[in-house]
Amino acid sequence: MERDPFYNYKAQFKPVEREFLTQEEIMILYEKDLHFDRLRIVRDMFLFSCYTGLAYADVKKLTNDDIIKGIDGYQWIKTKRTKTDSVSSIPLLPMAMETLDKYQDHPEVKRGPYILPVLSN
């Protein structure tokens, strides 16, 4: 090449403001009485995502093999993220553990290797 094809190119970064839920908004969702099993599952998977920082794509592929005991003695999620292919170690907070406990006997969980119900389209 005789000249740099990126000579006049200027990278621009556009900051994005991200919204987040407050603890009060999360508690409203948590305490909401829903009348359909599917809605309760969707709500619980969303809240699990809130407490772990995992995207739904990562939540739905979690298995018991992804739950480990950390050097601190607590339970952790150690998984490879779907979008970035990076390994993440995430502490399991009490609210996330509550969700895992809630669904351990769910029929969909019992049929497969996953630890949470997988919702089909």
PDB file of N, CA and C in Angstrom:
ATOM      1  N   MET A   1       0.844  -1.172   0.000  1.00  0.00           N
ATOM      2  CA  MET A   1       0.000   0.000   0.000  1.00  0.00           C
ATOM      3  C   MET A   1       0.895   1.242   0.000  1.00  0.00           C
ATOM      4  N   GLU A   2       0.481   2.165  -0.794  1.00  0.00           N
ATOM      5  CA  GLU A   2       1.269   3.391  -0.887  1.00  0.00           C
ATOM      6  C   GLU A   2       0.862   4.418   0.159  1.00  0.00           C
ATOM      7  N   ARG A   3      -0.375   4.346   0.617  1.00  0.00           N
ATOM      8  CA  ARG A   3      -0.792   5.299   1.639  1.00  0.00           C
ATOM      9  C   ARG A   3      -1.747   4.626   2.628  1.00  0.00           C
ATOM     10  N   ASP A   4      -1.843   5.188   3.786  1.00  0.00           N
ATOM     11  CA  ASP A   4      -2.649   4.652   4.882  1.00  0.00           C
ATOM     12  C   ASP A   4      -4.142   4.872   4.586  1.00  0.00           C
ATOM     13  N   PRO A   5      -4.925   3.793   4.447  1.00  0.00           N
ATOM     14  CA  PRO A   5      -6.360   3.976   4.148  1.00  0.00           C
ATOM     15  C   PRO A   5      -7.134   4.593   5.310  1.00  0.00           C
ATOM     16  N   PHE A   6      -6.556   4.612   6.497  1.00  0.00           N
ATOM     17  CA  PHE A   6      -7.235   5.182   7.661  1.00  0.00           C
ATOM     18  C   PHE A   6      -6.708   6.581   8.017  1.00  0.00           C
ATOM     19  N   TYR A   7      -5.993   7.194   7.132  1.00  0.00           N
ATOM     20  CA  TYR A   7      -5.372   8.490   7.403  1.00  0.00           C
ATOM     21  C   TYR A   7      -6.389   9.549   7.830  1.00  0.00           C
ATOM     22  N   ASN A   8      -7.524   9.629   7.166  1.00  0.00           N
ATOM     23  CA  ASN A   8      -8.539  10.648   7.488  1.00  0.00           C
ATOM     24  C   ASN A   8      -9.641  10.133   8.416  1.00  0.00           C
ATOM     25  N   TYR A   9      -9.514   8.904   8.887  1.00  0.00           N
ATOM     26  CA  TYR A   9     -10.532   8.324   9.757  1.00  0.00           C
ATOM     27  C   TYR A   9     -10.327   8.782  11.193  1.00  0.00           C
ATOM     28  N   LYS A  10     -11.389   9.228  11.818  1.00  0.00           N
ATOM     29  CA  LYS A  10     -11.342   9.627  13.221  1.00  0.00           C
ATOM     30  C   LYS A  10     -12.398   8.838  13.981  1.00  0.00           C
ATOM     31  N   ALA A  11     -11.941   8.066  14.933  1.00  0.00           N
ATOM     32  CA  ALA A  11     -12.873   7.280  15.749  1.00  0.00           C
ATOM     33  C   ALA A  11     -13.627   8.214  16.693  1.00  0.00           C
ATOM     34  N   GLN A  12     -14.908   7.948  16.836  1.00  0.00           N
ATOM     35  CA  GLN A  12     -15.724   8.754  17.732  1.00  0.00           C
ATOM     36  C   GLN A  12     -16.378   7.843  18.757  1.00  0.00           C
ATOM     37  N   PHE A  13     -16.398   8.295  19.966  1.00  0.00           N
ATOM     38  CA  PHE A  13     -17.031   7.549  21.036  1.00  0.00           C
ATOM     39  C   PHE A  13     -18.234   8.335  21.512  1.00  0.00           C
ATOM     40  N   LYS A  14     -19.386   7.683  21.484  1.00  0.00           N
ATOM     41  CA  LYS A  14     -20.612   8.328  21.937  1.00  0.00           C
ATOM     42  C   LYS A  14     -21.018   7.691  23.258  1.00  0.00           C
ATOM     43  N   PRO A  15     -20.892   8.426  24.374  1.00  0.00           N
ATOM     44  CA  PRO A  15     -21.269   7.846  25.671  1.00  0.00           C
ATOM     45  C   PRO A  15     -22.766   7.549  25.726  1.00  0.00           C
ATOM     46  N   VAL A  16     -23.086   6.441  26.364  1.00  0.00           N
ATOM     47  CA  VAL A  16     -24.473   6.014  26.490  1.00  0.00           C
ATOM     48  C   VAL A  16     -24.863   6.065  27.959  1.00  0.00           C
ATOM     49  N   GLU A  17     -25.978   6.715  28.235  1.00  0.00           N
ATOM     50  CA  GLU A  17     -26.482   6.720  29.605  1.00  0.00           C
ATOM     51  C   GLU A  17     -27.386   5.520  29.789  1.00  0.00           C
ATOM     52  N   ARG A  18     -27.033   4.679  30.755  1.00  0.00           N
ATOM     53  CA  ARG A  18     -27.818   3.473  31.010  1.00  0.00           C
ATOM     54  C   ARG A  18     -28.669   3.680  32.256  1.00  0.00           C
ATOM     55  N   GLU A  19     -29.902   3.261  32.140  1.00  0.00           N
ATOM     56  CA  GLU A  19     -30.816   3.328  33.274  1.00  0.00           C
ATOM     57  C   GLU A  19     -30.692   2.040  34.077  1.00  0.00           C
ATOM     58  N   PHE A  20     -31.003   2.096  35.335  1.00  0.00           N
ATOM     59  CA  PHE A  20     -30.995   0.899  36.159  1.00  0.00           C
ATOM     60  C   PHE A  20     -32.159   0.964  37.130  1.00  0.00           C
ATOM     61  N   LEU A  21     -32.546  -0.216  37.607  1.00  0.00           N
ATOM     62  CA  LEU A  21     -33.638  -0.286  38.574  1.00  0.00           C
ATOM     63  C   LEU A  21     -33.125   0.033  39.970  1.00  0.00           C
ATOM     64  N   THR A  22     -33.945   0.689  40.738  1.00  0.00           N
ATOM     65  CA  THR A  22     -33.614   0.937  42.139  1.00  0.00           C
ATOM     66  C   THR A  22     -33.968  -0.316  42.943  1.00  0.00           C
ATOM     67  N   GLN A  23     -33.478  -0.394  44.160  1.00  0.00           N
ATOM     68  CA  GLN A  23     -33.821  -1.521  45.025  1.00  0.00           C
ATOM     69  C   GLN A  23     -35.324  -1.562  45.281  1.00  0.00           C
ATOM     70  N   GLU A  24     -35.959  -0.394  45.384  1.00  0.00           N
ATOM     71  CA  GLU A  24     -37.401  -0.350  45.598  1.00  0.00           C
ATOM     72  C   GLU A  24     -38.150  -0.924  44.394  1.00  0.00           C
ATOM     73  N   GLU A  25     -37.720  -0.593  43.176  1.00  0.00           N
ATOM     74  CA  GLU A  25     -38.367  -1.121  41.977  1.00  0.00           C
ATOM     75  C   GLU A  25     -38.181  -2.636  41.874  1.00  0.00           C
ATOM     76  N   ILE A  26     -37.011  -3.114  42.240  1.00  0.00           N
ATOM     77  CA  ILE A  26     -36.761  -4.555  42.232  1.00  0.00           C
ATOM     78  C   ILE A  26     -37.679  -5.249  43.236  1.00  0.00           C
ATOM     79  N   MET A  27     -37.853  -4.660  44.404  1.00  0.00           N
ATOM     80  CA  MET A  27     -38.725  -5.257  45.425  1.00  0.00           C
ATOM     81  C   MET A  27     -40.194  -5.258  44.989  1.00  0.00           C
ATOM     82  N   ILE A  28     -40.622  -4.228  44.255  1.00  0.00           N
ATOM     83  CA  ILE A  28     -41.990  -4.207  43.728  1.00  0.00           C
ATOM     84  C   ILE A  28     -42.192  -5.394  42.789  1.00  0.00           C
ATOM     85  N   LEU A  29     -41.222  -5.639  41.909  1.00  0.00           N
ATOM     86  CA  LEU A  29     -41.303  -6.795  41.012  1.00  0.00           C
ATOM     87  C   LEU A  29     -41.307  -8.101  41.800  1.00  0.00           C
ATOM     88  N   TYR A  30     -40.435  -8.186  42.783  1.00  0.00           N
ATOM     89  CA  TYR A  30     -40.289  -9.397  43.586  1.00  0.00           C
ATOM     90  C   TYR A  30     -41.592  -9.740  44.324  1.00  0.00           C
ATOM     91  N   GLU A  31     -42.251  -8.726  44.855  1.00  0.00           N
ATOM     92  CA  GLU A  31     -43.455  -8.937  45.664  1.00  0.00           C
ATOM     93  C   GLU A  31     -44.747  -8.998  44.848  1.00  0.00           C
ATOM     94  N   LYS A  32     -44.678  -8.689  43.554  1.00  0.00           N
ATOM     95  CA  LYS A  32     -45.872  -8.663  42.710  1.00  0.00           C
ATOM     96  C   LYS A  32     -46.491 -10.053  42.618  1.00  0.00           C
ATOM     97  N   ASP A  33     -47.795 -10.131  42.880  1.00  0.00           N
ATOM     98  CA  ASP A  33     -48.518 -11.397  42.790  1.00  0.00           C
ATOM     99  C   ASP A  33     -48.952 -11.599  41.345  1.00  0.00           C
ATOM    100  N   LEU A  34     -48.358 -12.581  40.692  1.00  0.00           N
ATOM    101  CA  LEU A  34     -48.680 -12.873  39.295  1.00  0.00           C
ATOM    102  C   LEU A  34     -49.515 -14.148  39.230  1.00  0.00           C
ATOM    103  N   HIS A  35     -50.492 -14.170  38.328  1.00  0.00           N
ATOM    104  CA  HIS A  35     -51.467 -15.254  38.295  1.00  0.00           C
ATOM    105  C   HIS A  35     -51.122 -16.377  37.322  1.00  0.00           C
ATOM    106  N   PHE A  36     -50.093 -16.200  36.517  1.00  0.00           N
ATOM    107  CA  PHE A  36     -49.730 -17.218  35.541  1.00  0.00           C
ATOM    108  C   PHE A  36     -48.315 -17.703  35.801  1.00  0.00           C
ATOM    109  N   ASP A  37     -48.131 -19.015  35.736  1.00  0.00           N
ATOM    110  CA  ASP A  37     -46.829 -19.626  35.997  1.00  0.00           C
ATOM    111  C   ASP A  37     -45.751 -19.050  35.078  1.00  0.00           C
ATOM    112  N   ARG A  38     -46.080 -18.892  33.801  1.00  0.00           N
ATOM    113  CA  ARG A  38     -45.095 -18.369  32.839  1.00  0.00           C
ATOM    114  C   ARG A  38     -44.629 -16.964  33.231  1.00  0.00           C
ATOM    115  N   LEU A  39     -45.548 -16.112  33.666  1.00  0.00           N
ATOM    116  CA  LEU A  39     -45.169 -14.756  34.080  1.00  0.00           C
ATOM    117  C   LEU A  39     -44.285 -14.783  35.325  1.00  0.00           C
ATOM    118  N   ARG A  40     -44.578 -15.689  36.248  1.00  0.00           N
ATOM    119  CA  ARG A  40     -43.742 -15.821  37.447  1.00  0.00           C
ATOM    120  C   ARG A  40     -42.330 -16.260  37.063  1.00  0.00           C
ATOM    121  N   ILE A  41     -42.225 -17.184  36.120  1.00  0.00           N
ATOM    122  CA  ILE A  41     -40.907 -17.639  35.674  1.00  0.00           C
ATOM    123  C   ILE A  41     -40.147 -16.498  35.000  1.00  0.00           C
ATOM    124  N   VAL A  42     -40.808 -15.753  34.119  1.00  0.00           N
ATOM    125  CA  VAL A  42     -40.166 -14.630  33.436  1.00  0.00           C
ATOM    126  C   VAL A  42     -39.671 -13.609  34.459  1.00  0.00           C
ATOM    127  N   ARG A  43     -40.530 -13.278  35.423  1.00  0.00           N
ATOM    128  CA  ARG A  43     -40.143 -12.332  36.469  1.00  0.00           C
ATOM    129  C   ARG A  43     -38.929 -12.844  37.246  1.00  0.00           C
ATOM    130  N   ASP A  44     -38.965 -14.112  37.636  1.00  0.00           N
ATOM    131  CA  ASP A  44     -37.881 -14.669  38.437  1.00  0.00           C
ATOM    132  C   ASP A  44     -36.570 -14.742  37.654  1.00  0.00           C
ATOM    133  N   MET A  45     -36.645 -15.057  36.364  1.00  0.00           N
ATOM    134  CA  MET A  45     -35.429 -15.093  35.547  1.00  0.00           C
ATOM    135  C   MET A  45     -34.859 -13.677  35.380  1.00  0.00           C
ATOM    136  N   PHE A  46     -35.747 -12.702  35.228  1.00  0.00           N
ATOM    137  CA  PHE A  46     -35.301 -11.313  35.128  1.00  0.00           C
ATOM    138  C   PHE A  46     -34.609 -10.874  36.417  1.00  0.00           C
ATOM    139  N   LEU A  47     -35.234 -11.178  37.547  1.00  0.00           N
ATOM    140  CA  LEU A  47     -34.636 -10.798  38.836  1.00  0.00           C
ATOM    141  C   LEU A  47     -33.319 -11.542  39.068  1.00  0.00           C
ATOM    142  N   PHE A  48     -33.250 -12.815  38.647  1.00  0.00           N
ATOM    143  CA  PHE A  48     -31.994 -13.558  38.747  1.00  0.00           C
ATOM    144  C   PHE A  48     -30.911 -12.853  37.933  1.00  0.00           C
ATOM    145  N   SER A  49     -31.285 -12.367  36.755  1.00  0.00           N
ATOM    146  CA  SER A  49     -30.339 -11.609  35.927  1.00  0.00           C
ATOM    147  C   SER A  49     -29.892 -10.327  36.629  1.00  0.00           C
ATOM    148  N   CYS A  50     -30.828  -9.678  37.307  1.00  0.00           N
ATOM    149  CA  CYS A  50     -30.488  -8.451  38.036  1.00  0.00           C
ATOM    150  C   CYS A  50     -29.461  -8.731  39.132  1.00  0.00           C
ATOM    151  N   TYR A  51     -29.624  -9.835  39.831  1.00  0.00           N
ATOM    152  CA  TYR A  51     -28.744 -10.135  40.957  1.00  0.00           C
ATOM    153  C   TYR A  51     -27.431 -10.795  40.554  1.00  0.00           C
ATOM    154  N   THR A  52     -27.343 -11.293  39.314  1.00  0.00           N
ATOM    155  CA  THR A  52     -26.092 -11.910  38.865  1.00  0.00           C
ATOM    156  C   THR A  52     -25.380 -11.101  37.794  1.00  0.00           C
ATOM    157  N   GLY A  53     -26.118 -10.242  37.098  1.00  0.00           N
ATOM    158  CA  GLY A  53     -25.524  -9.495  35.997  1.00  0.00           C
ATOM    159  C   GLY A  53     -25.441 -10.304  34.714  1.00  0.00           C
ATOM    160  N   LEU A  54     -26.044 -11.485  34.700  1.00  0.00           N
ATOM    161  CA  LEU A  54     -26.012 -12.334  33.514  1.00  0.00           C
ATOM    162  C   LEU A  54     -27.150 -12.000  32.568  1.00  0.00           C
ATOM    163  N   ALA A  55     -26.868 -12.064  31.279  1.00  0.00           N
ATOM    164  CA  ALA A  55     -27.903 -11.917  30.265  1.00  0.00           C
ATOM    165  C   ALA A  55     -28.754 -13.190  30.248  1.00  0.00           C
ATOM    166  N   TYR A  56     -29.978 -13.089  29.713  1.00  0.00           N
ATOM    167  CA  TYR A  56     -30.858 -14.259  29.679  1.00  0.00           C
ATOM    168  C   TYR A  56     -30.212 -15.424  28.932  1.00  0.00           C
ATOM    169  N   ALA A  57     -29.465 -15.122  27.859  1.00  0.00           N
ATOM    170  CA  ALA A  57     -28.787 -16.183  27.098  1.00  0.00           C
ATOM    171  C   ALA A  57     -27.843 -16.975  27.999  1.00  0.00           C
ATOM    172  N   ASP A  58     -27.218 -16.306  28.953  1.00  0.00           N
ATOM    173  CA  ASP A  58     -26.313 -16.990  29.879  1.00  0.00           C
ATOM    174  C   ASP A  58     -27.077 -17.686  30.996  1.00  0.00           C
ATOM    175  N   VAL A  59     -28.167 -17.096  31.435  1.00  0.00           N
ATOM    176  CA  VAL A  59     -28.979 -17.693  32.502  1.00  0.00           C
ATOM    177  C   VAL A  59     -29.579 -19.014  32.037  1.00  0.00           C
ATOM    178  N   LYS A  60     -30.108 -19.039  30.818  1.00  0.00           N
ATOM    179  CA  LYS A  60     -30.812 -20.238  30.373  1.00  0.00           C
ATOM    180  C   LYS A  60     -29.887 -21.425  30.118  1.00  0.00           C
ATOM    181  N   LYS A  61     -28.579 -21.188  30.014  1.00  0.00           N
ATOM    182  CA  LYS A  61     -27.679 -22.315  29.787  1.00  0.00           C
ATOM    183  C   LYS A  61     -26.933 -22.760  31.051  1.00  0.00           C
ATOM    184  N   LEU A  62     -27.261 -22.167  32.187  1.00  0.00           N
ATOM    185  CA  LEU A  62     -26.594 -22.551  33.435  1.00  0.00           C
ATOM    186  C   LEU A  62     -26.928 -23.989  33.831  1.00  0.00           C
ATOM    187  N   THR A  63     -25.915 -24.701  34.275  1.00  0.00           N
ATOM    188  CA  THR A  63     -26.106 -26.059  34.786  1.00  0.00           C
ATOM    189  C   THR A  63     -25.470 -26.144  36.171  1.00  0.00           C
ATOM    190  N   ASN A  64     -25.671 -27.271  36.835  1.00  0.00           N
ATOM    191  CA  ASN A  64     -25.063 -27.470  38.152  1.00  0.00           C
ATOM    192  C   ASN A  64     -23.542 -27.403  38.091  1.00  0.00           C
ATOM    193  N   ASP A  65     -22.968 -27.760  36.945  1.00  0.00           N
ATOM    194  CA  ASP A  65     -21.514 -27.695  36.793  1.00  0.00           C
ATOM    195  C   ASP A  65     -20.990 -26.267  36.852  1.00  0.00           C
ATOM    196  N   ASP A  66     -21.866 -25.287  36.609  1.00  0.00           N
ATOM    197  CA  ASP A  66     -21.460 -23.877  36.636  1.00  0.00           C
ATOM    198  C   ASP A  66     -21.467 -23.287  38.048  1.00  0.00           C
ATOM    199  N   ILE A  67     -21.982 -24.028  39.016  1.00  0.00           N
ATOM    200  CA  ILE A  67     -22.019 -23.561  40.403  1.00  0.00           C
ATOM    201  C   ILE A  67     -20.856 -24.212  41.143  1.00  0.00           C
ATOM    202  N   ILE A  68     -19.971 -23.359  41.665  1.00  0.00           N
ATOM    203  CA  ILE A  68     -18.798 -23.872  42.367  1.00  0.00           C
ATOM    204  C   ILE A  68     -18.711 -23.256  43.755  1.00  0.00           C
ATOM    205  N   LYS A  69     -17.932 -23.875  44.603  1.00  0.00           N
ATOM    206  CA  LYS A  69     -17.658 -23.299  45.915  1.00  0.00           C
ATOM    207  C   LYS A  69     -16.347 -22.529  45.796  1.00  0.00           C
ATOM    208  N   GLY A  70     -16.408 -21.239  46.097  1.00  0.00           N
ATOM    209  CA  GLY A  70     -15.235 -20.389  45.972  1.00  0.00           C
ATOM    210  C   GLY A  70     -14.279 -20.559  47.147  1.00  0.00           C
ATOM    211  N   ILE A  71     -13.106 -19.944  47.030  1.00  0.00           N
ATOM    212  CA  ILE A  71     -12.124 -20.033  48.109  1.00  0.00           C
ATOM    213  C   ILE A  71     -12.614 -19.346  49.375  1.00  0.00           C
ATOM    214  N   ASP A  72     -13.636 -18.507  49.223  1.00  0.00           N
ATOM    215  CA  ASP A  72     -14.231 -17.830  50.378  1.00  0.00           C
ATOM    216  C   ASP A  72     -15.287 -18.697  51.067  1.00  0.00           C
ATOM    217  N   GLY A  73     -15.560 -19.885  50.493  1.00  0.00           N
ATOM    218  CA  GLY A  73     -16.540 -20.797  51.077  1.00  0.00           C
ATOM    219  C   GLY A  73     -17.960 -20.582  50.590  1.00  0.00           C
ATOM    220  N   TYR A  74     -18.189 -19.559  49.791  1.00  0.00           N
ATOM    221  CA  TYR A  74     -19.522 -19.260  49.275  1.00  0.00           C
ATOM    222  C   TYR A  74     -19.708 -19.839  47.877  1.00  0.00           C
ATOM    223  N   GLN A  75     -20.960 -19.922  47.447  1.00  0.00           N
ATOM    224  CA  GLN A  75     -21.288 -20.423  46.117  1.00  0.00           C
ATOM    225  C   GLN A  75     -21.054 -19.330  45.075  1.00  0.00           C
ATOM    226  N   TRP A  76     -20.490 -19.721  43.944  1.00  0.00           N
ATOM    227  CA  TRP A  76     -20.214 -18.820  42.832  1.00  0.00           C
ATOM    228  C   TRP A  76     -20.696 -19.450  41.537  1.00  0.00           C
ATOM    229  N   ILE A  77     -21.032 -18.603  40.575  1.00  0.00           N
ATOM    230  CA  ILE A  77     -21.291 -19.055  39.210  1.00  0.00           C
ATOM    231  C   ILE A  77     -19.997 -18.833  38.441  1.00  0.00           C
ATOM    232  N   LYS A  78     -19.510 -19.871  37.814  1.00  0.00           N
ATOM    233  CA  LYS A  78     -18.340 -19.738  36.942  1.00  0.00           C
ATOM    234  C   LYS A  78     -18.781 -20.251  35.583  1.00  0.00           C
ATOM    235  N   THR A  79     -18.894 -19.339  34.622  1.00  0.00           N
ATOM    236  CA  THR A  79     -19.442 -19.686  33.317  1.00  0.00           C
ATOM    237  C   THR A  79     -18.768 -18.885  32.220  1.00  0.00           C
ATOM    238  N   LYS A  80     -18.840 -19.417  31.018  1.00  0.00           N
ATOM    239  CA  LYS A  80     -18.332 -18.718  29.841  1.00  0.00           C
ATOM    240  C   LYS A  80     -19.493 -17.924  29.249  1.00  0.00           C
ATOM    241  N   ARG A  81     -19.317 -16.621  29.120  1.00  0.00           N
ATOM    242  CA  ARG A  81     -20.383 -15.757  28.626  1.00  0.00           C
ATOM    243  C   ARG A  81     -20.633 -16.003  27.138  1.00  0.00           C
ATOM    244  N   THR A  82     -21.899 -16.007  26.756  1.00  0.00           N
ATOM    245  CA  THR A  82     -22.291 -16.309  25.382  1.00  0.00           C
ATOM    246  C   THR A  82     -21.799 -15.246  24.404  1.00  0.00           C
ATOM    247  N   LYS A  83     -22.018 -13.987  24.716  1.00  0.00           N
ATOM    248  CA  LYS A  83     -21.709 -12.907  23.772  1.00  0.00           C
ATOM    249  C   LYS A  83     -20.212 -12.657  23.639  1.00  0.00           C
ATOM    250  N   THR A  84     -19.487 -12.677  24.747  1.00  0.00           N
ATOM    251  CA  THR A  84     -18.083 -12.282  24.718  1.00  0.00           C
ATOM    252  C   THR A  84     -17.110 -13.450  24.762  1.00  0.00           C
ATOM    253  N   ASP A  85     -17.595 -14.649  25.035  1.00  0.00           N
ATOM    254  CA  ASP A  85     -16.740 -15.840  25.172  1.00  0.00           C
ATOM    255  C   ASP A  85     -15.736 -15.708  26.319  1.00  0.00           C
ATOM    256  N   SER A  86     -15.999 -14.798  27.246  1.00  0.00           N
ATOM    257  CA  SER A  86     -15.103 -14.625  28.380  1.00  0.00           C
ATOM    258  C   SER A  86     -15.650 -15.377  29.589  1.00  0.00           C
ATOM    259  N   VAL A  87     -14.743 -15.829  30.450  1.00  0.00           N
ATOM    260  CA  VAL A  87     -15.150 -16.552  31.646  1.00  0.00           C
ATOM    261  C   VAL A  87     -15.472 -15.544  32.738  1.00  0.00           C
ATOM    262  N   SER A  88     -16.604 -15.748  33.392  1.00  0.00           N
ATOM    263  CA  SER A  88     -17.018 -14.866  34.483  1.00  0.00           C
ATOM    264  C   SER A  88     -17.170 -15.668  35.764  1.00  0.00           C
ATOM    265  N   SER A  89     -16.751 -15.070  36.861  1.00  0.00           N
ATOM    266  CA  SER A  89     -16.966 -15.631  38.194  1.00  0.00           C
ATOM    267  C   SER A  89     -17.860 -14.655  38.941  1.00  0.00           C
ATOM    268  N   ILE A  90     -19.037 -15.130  39.324  1.00  0.00           N
ATOM    269  CA  ILE A  90     -20.051 -14.256  39.897  1.00  0.00           C
ATOM    270  C   ILE A  90     -20.518 -14.833  41.230  1.00  0.00           C
ATOM    271  N   PRO A  91     -20.436 -14.058  42.308  1.00  0.00           N
ATOM    272  CA  PRO A  91     -20.929 -14.571  43.588  1.00  0.00           C
ATOM    273  C   PRO A  91     -22.448 -14.726  43.559  1.00  0.00           C
ATOM    274  N   LEU A  92     -22.927 -15.800  44.141  1.00  0.00           N
ATOM    275  CA  LEU A  92     -24.372 -16.017  44.218  1.00  0.00           C
ATOM    276  C   LEU A  92     -24.914 -15.321  45.460  1.00  0.00           C
ATOM    277  N   LEU A  93     -25.568 -14.200  45.249  1.00  0.00           N
ATOM    278  CA  LEU A  93     -26.178 -13.454  46.340  1.00  0.00           C
ATOM    279  C   LEU A  93     -27.386 -14.222  46.875  1.00  0.00           C
ATOM    280  N   PRO A  94     -27.807 -13.932  48.102  1.00  0.00           N
ATOM    281  CA  PRO A  94     -28.938 -14.656  48.694  1.00  0.00           C
ATOM    282  C   PRO A  94     -30.200 -14.665  47.834  1.00  0.00           C
ATOM    283  N   MET A  95     -30.524 -13.564  47.183  1.00  0.00           N
ATOM    284  CA  MET A  95     -31.737 -13.519  46.354  1.00  0.00           C
ATOM    285  C   MET A  95     -31.598 -14.433  45.133  1.00  0.00           C
ATOM    286  N   ALA A  96     -30.423 -14.520  44.561  1.00  0.00           N
ATOM    287  CA  ALA A  96     -30.195 -15.419  43.425  1.00  0.00           C
ATOM    288  C   ALA A  96     -30.264 -16.872  43.886  1.00  0.00           C
ATOM    289  N   MET A  97     -29.697 -17.162  45.065  1.00  0.00           N
ATOM    290  CA  MET A  97     -29.764 -18.514  45.625  1.00  0.00           C
ATOM    291  C   MET A  97     -31.220 -18.909  45.890  1.00  0.00           C
ATOM    292  N   GLU A  98     -32.015 -17.948  46.337  1.00  0.00           N
ATOM    293  CA  GLU A  98     -33.433 -18.201  46.596  1.00  0.00           C
ATOM    294  C   GLU A  98     -34.135 -18.651  45.317  1.00  0.00           C
ATOM    295  N   THR A  99     -33.791 -18.034  44.192  1.00  0.00           N
ATOM    296  CA  THR A  99     -34.381 -18.416  42.905  1.00  0.00           C
ATOM    297  C   THR A  99     -33.967 -19.832  42.532  1.00  0.00           C
ATOM    298  N   LEU A 100     -32.695 -20.155  42.712  1.00  0.00           N
ATOM    299  CA  LEU A 100     -32.239 -21.515  42.407  1.00  0.00           C
ATOM    300  C   LEU A 100     -32.966 -22.536  43.267  1.00  0.00           C
ATOM    301  N   ASP A 101     -33.111 -22.232  44.552  1.00  0.00           N
ATOM    302  CA  ASP A 101     -33.817 -23.136  45.462  1.00  0.00           C
ATOM    303  C   ASP A 101     -35.290 -23.287  45.060  1.00  0.00           C
ATOM    304  N   LYS A 102     -35.896 -22.181  44.647  1.00  0.00           N
ATOM    305  CA  LYS A 102     -37.314 -22.183  44.287  1.00  0.00           C
ATOM    306  C   LYS A 102     -37.594 -23.116  43.108  1.00  0.00           C
ATOM    307  N   TYR A 103     -36.664 -23.187  42.166  1.00  0.00           N
ATOM    308  CA  TYR A 103     -36.897 -23.957  40.948  1.00  0.00           C
ATOM    309  C   TYR A 103     -36.195 -25.309  40.911  1.00  0.00           C
ATOM    310  N   GLN A 104     -35.578 -25.725  42.002  1.00  0.00           N
ATOM    311  CA  GLN A 104     -34.860 -26.996  41.957  1.00  0.00           C
ATOM    312  C   GLN A 104     -35.774 -28.190  41.690  1.00  0.00           C
ATOM    313  N   ASP A 105     -37.045 -28.115  42.077  1.00  0.00           N
ATOM    314  CA  ASP A 105     -37.979 -29.218  41.846  1.00  0.00           C
ATOM    315  C   ASP A 105     -38.961 -28.947  40.703  1.00  0.00           C
ATOM    316  N   HIS A 106     -38.724 -27.895  39.933  1.00  0.00           N
ATOM    317  CA  HIS A 106     -39.608 -27.554  38.813  1.00  0.00           C
ATOM    318  C   HIS A 106     -39.504 -28.645  37.744  1.00  0.00           C
ATOM    319  N   PRO A 107     -40.636 -29.057  37.136  1.00  0.00           N
ATOM    320  CA  PRO A 107     -40.615 -30.151  36.153  1.00  0.00           C
ATOM    321  C   PRO A 107     -39.644 -29.939  34.990  1.00  0.00           C
ATOM    322  N   GLU A 108     -39.544 -28.712  34.482  1.00  0.00           N
ATOM    323  CA  GLU A 108     -38.623 -28.459  33.365  1.00  0.00           C
ATOM    324  C   GLU A 108     -37.172 -28.612  33.791  1.00  0.00           C
ATOM    325  N   VAL A 109     -36.870 -28.258  35.014  1.00  0.00           N
ATOM    326  CA  VAL A 109     -35.502 -28.376  35.514  1.00  0.00           C
ATOM    327  C   VAL A 109     -35.151 -29.846  35.716  1.00  0.00           C
ATOM    328  N   LYS A 110     -36.105 -30.629  36.206  1.00  0.00           N
ATOM    329  CA  LYS A 110     -35.871 -32.052  36.459  1.00  0.00           C
ATOM    330  C   LYS A 110     -35.599 -32.831  35.167  1.00  0.00           C
ATOM    331  N   ARG A 111     -36.150 -32.365  34.030  1.00  0.00           N
ATOM    332  CA  ARG A 111     -35.998 -33.084  32.769  1.00  0.00           C
ATOM    333  C   ARG A 111     -34.664 -32.848  32.089  1.00  0.00           C
ATOM    334  N   GLY A 112     -33.973 -31.761  32.403  1.00  0.00           N
ATOM    335  CA  GLY A 112     -32.758 -31.449  31.667  1.00  0.00           C
ATOM    336  C   GLY A 112     -31.599 -31.134  32.588  1.00  0.00           C
ATOM    337  N   PRO A 113     -30.501 -30.741  31.991  1.00  0.00           N
ATOM    338  CA  PRO A 113     -29.310 -30.451  32.788  1.00  0.00           C
ATOM    339  C   PRO A 113     -29.307 -29.053  33.404  1.00  0.00           C
ATOM    340  N   TYR A 114     -30.309 -28.252  33.074  1.00  0.00           N
ATOM    341  CA  TYR A 114     -30.295 -26.854  33.494  1.00  0.00           C
ATOM    342  C   TYR A 114     -30.811 -26.679  34.906  1.00  0.00           C
ATOM    343  N   ILE A 115     -30.416 -25.576  35.544  1.00  0.00           N
ATOM    344  CA  ILE A 115     -30.808 -25.347  36.927  1.00  0.00           C
ATOM    345  C   ILE A 115     -31.969 -24.366  37.070  1.00  0.00           C
ATOM    346  N   LEU A 116     -32.397 -23.795  35.938  1.00  0.00           N
ATOM    347  CA  LEU A 116     -33.547 -22.897  35.919  1.00  0.00           C
ATOM    348  C   LEU A 116     -34.437 -23.266  34.752  1.00  0.00           C
ATOM    349  N   PRO A 117     -35.744 -23.000  34.827  1.00  0.00           N
ATOM    350  CA  PRO A 117     -36.631 -23.341  33.708  1.00  0.00           C
ATOM    351  C   PRO A 117     -36.229 -22.588  32.444  1.00  0.00           C
ATOM    352  N   VAL A 118     -36.240 -23.277  31.327  1.00  0.00           N
ATOM    353  CA  VAL A 118     -35.936 -22.659  30.039  1.00  0.00           C
ATOM    354  C   VAL A 118     -37.267 -22.390  29.343  1.00  0.00           C
ATOM    355  N   LEU A 119     -37.496 -21.146  28.975  1.00  0.00           N
ATOM    356  CA  LEU A 119     -38.748 -20.772  28.324  1.00  0.00           C
ATOM    357  C   LEU A 119     -38.605 -20.886  26.821  1.00  0.00           C
ATOM    358  N   SER A 120     -39.528 -21.598  26.198  1.00  0.00           N
ATOM    359  CA  SER A 120     -39.522 -21.692  24.746  1.00  0.00           C
ATOM    360  C   SER A 120     -40.345 -20.556  24.174  1.00  0.00           C
ATOM    361  N   ASN A 121     -40.084 -20.237  22.921  1.00  0.00           N
ATOM    362  CA  ASN A 121     -40.792 -19.123  22.279  1.00  0.00           C
ATOM    363  C   ASN A 121     -42.222 -19.433  22.038  1.00  0.00           C
TER     364      ASN A 121
END
